[in-house]
């Protein structure tokens, strides 16, 4: 299940601090209110967690096709 970050649209909350993170299923209905104070919230864009940065050789070993841009709209295998 992915993590989603939310913030209050207005004001502050002593319980959530105006910003909170929830683990929710992909098919869950969109959250519109803070579960603690019931004030309106909006979803915040956040980063994702990656275990490590993949190199080109790691990608090739994992079975991905690695392409290099040659010209506008033209790519070749690396």
Protein backbone atom coordinates (compact mmCIF):
# COMPACT_ATOMS: atom_id res chain seq x y z
CA UNK A 1 0.00 0.00 0.00
CA UNK A 2 1.39 3.42 -0.91
CA UNK A 3 1.93 6.27 1.51
CA UNK A 4 0.09 9.53 0.90
CA UNK A 5 0.93 12.89 2.44
CA UNK A 6 -1.78 15.40 3.26
CA UNK A 7 -1.91 18.94 4.60
CA UNK A 8 -4.73 21.07 5.92
CA UNK A 9 -6.20 23.53 3.42
CA UNK A 10 -6.51 26.18 6.15
CA UNK A 11 -5.61 26.60 9.78
CA UNK A 12 -3.78 24.24 12.09
CA UNK A 13 -4.54 21.16 14.15
CA UNK A 14 -2.96 20.29 17.49
CA UNK A 15 -3.34 16.57 16.77
CA UNK A 16 -1.97 16.28 13.21
CA UNK A 17 0.11 19.48 13.18
CA UNK A 18 -1.41 20.47 9.83
CA UNK A 19 0.47 17.73 7.94
CA UNK A 20 0.22 13.94 8.12
CA UNK A 21 1.02 10.75 6.21
CA UNK A 22 -1.32 7.79 5.75
CA UNK A 23 -0.91 4.35 4.22
CA UNK A 24 -3.95 3.82 1.98
CA UNK A 25 -4.94 1.27 -0.67
CA UNK A 26 -4.87 2.42 -4.30
CA UNK A 27 -8.62 1.90 -4.66
CA UNK A 28 -9.51 3.87 -1.49
CA UNK A 29 -11.84 6.84 -1.84
CA UNK A 30 -10.01 10.18 -1.90
CA UNK A 31 -9.47 11.63 1.56
CA UNK A 32 -11.07 15.08 1.92
CA UNK A 33 -11.00 15.60 5.71
CA UNK A 34 -8.39 15.17 8.44
CA UNK A 35 -9.28 12.04 10.44
CA UNK A 36 -8.48 13.90 13.69
CA UNK A 37 -9.99 17.38 13.34
CA UNK A 38 -12.31 16.91 10.30
CA UNK A 39 -10.91 20.02 8.56
CA UNK A 40 -10.51 19.94 4.74
CA UNK A 41 -7.21 18.49 3.46
CA UNK A 42 -5.40 18.24 0.13
CA UNK A 43 -2.92 15.64 -1.08
CA UNK A 44 0.70 16.83 -1.21
CA UNK A 45 3.19 15.72 -3.86
CA UNK A 46 5.97 13.81 -2.20
CA UNK A 47 9.07 11.83 -3.06
CA UNK A 48 9.21 8.09 -3.23
CA UNK A 49 11.60 5.75 -1.50
CA UNK A 50 13.99 3.84 -3.70
CA UNK A 51 16.33 1.27 -2.17
CA UNK A 52 19.27 2.47 -4.27
CA UNK A 53 20.13 4.34 -7.42
CA UNK A 54 20.35 2.00 -10.39
CA UNK A 55 23.23 2.26 -12.84
CA UNK A 56 23.02 1.38 -16.52
CA UNK A 57 24.74 -1.96 -15.86
CA UNK A 58 22.24 -2.71 -13.02
CA UNK A 59 19.35 -1.98 -15.38
CA UNK A 60 20.81 -4.26 -18.08
CA UNK A 61 21.36 -7.08 -15.54
CA UNK A 62 17.72 -6.70 -14.45
CA UNK A 63 16.60 -7.26 -18.05
CA UNK A 64 15.74 -3.69 -19.05
CA UNK A 65 16.61 -2.31 -22.48
CA UNK A 66 18.70 0.81 -22.02
CA UNK A 67 18.39 3.43 -24.77
CA UNK A 68 20.52 6.49 -25.49
CA UNK A 69 19.13 9.52 -27.29
CA UNK A 70 20.96 10.13 -30.57
CA UNK A 71 18.85 12.87 -32.19
CA UNK A 72 15.43 14.31 -31.66
CA UNK A 73 13.14 11.29 -31.70
CA UNK A 74 15.97 8.83 -32.40
CA UNK A 75 17.37 6.38 -29.86
CA UNK A 76 19.84 3.51 -29.97
CA UNK A 77 20.54 0.63 -27.62
CA UNK A 78 23.45 1.04 -25.23
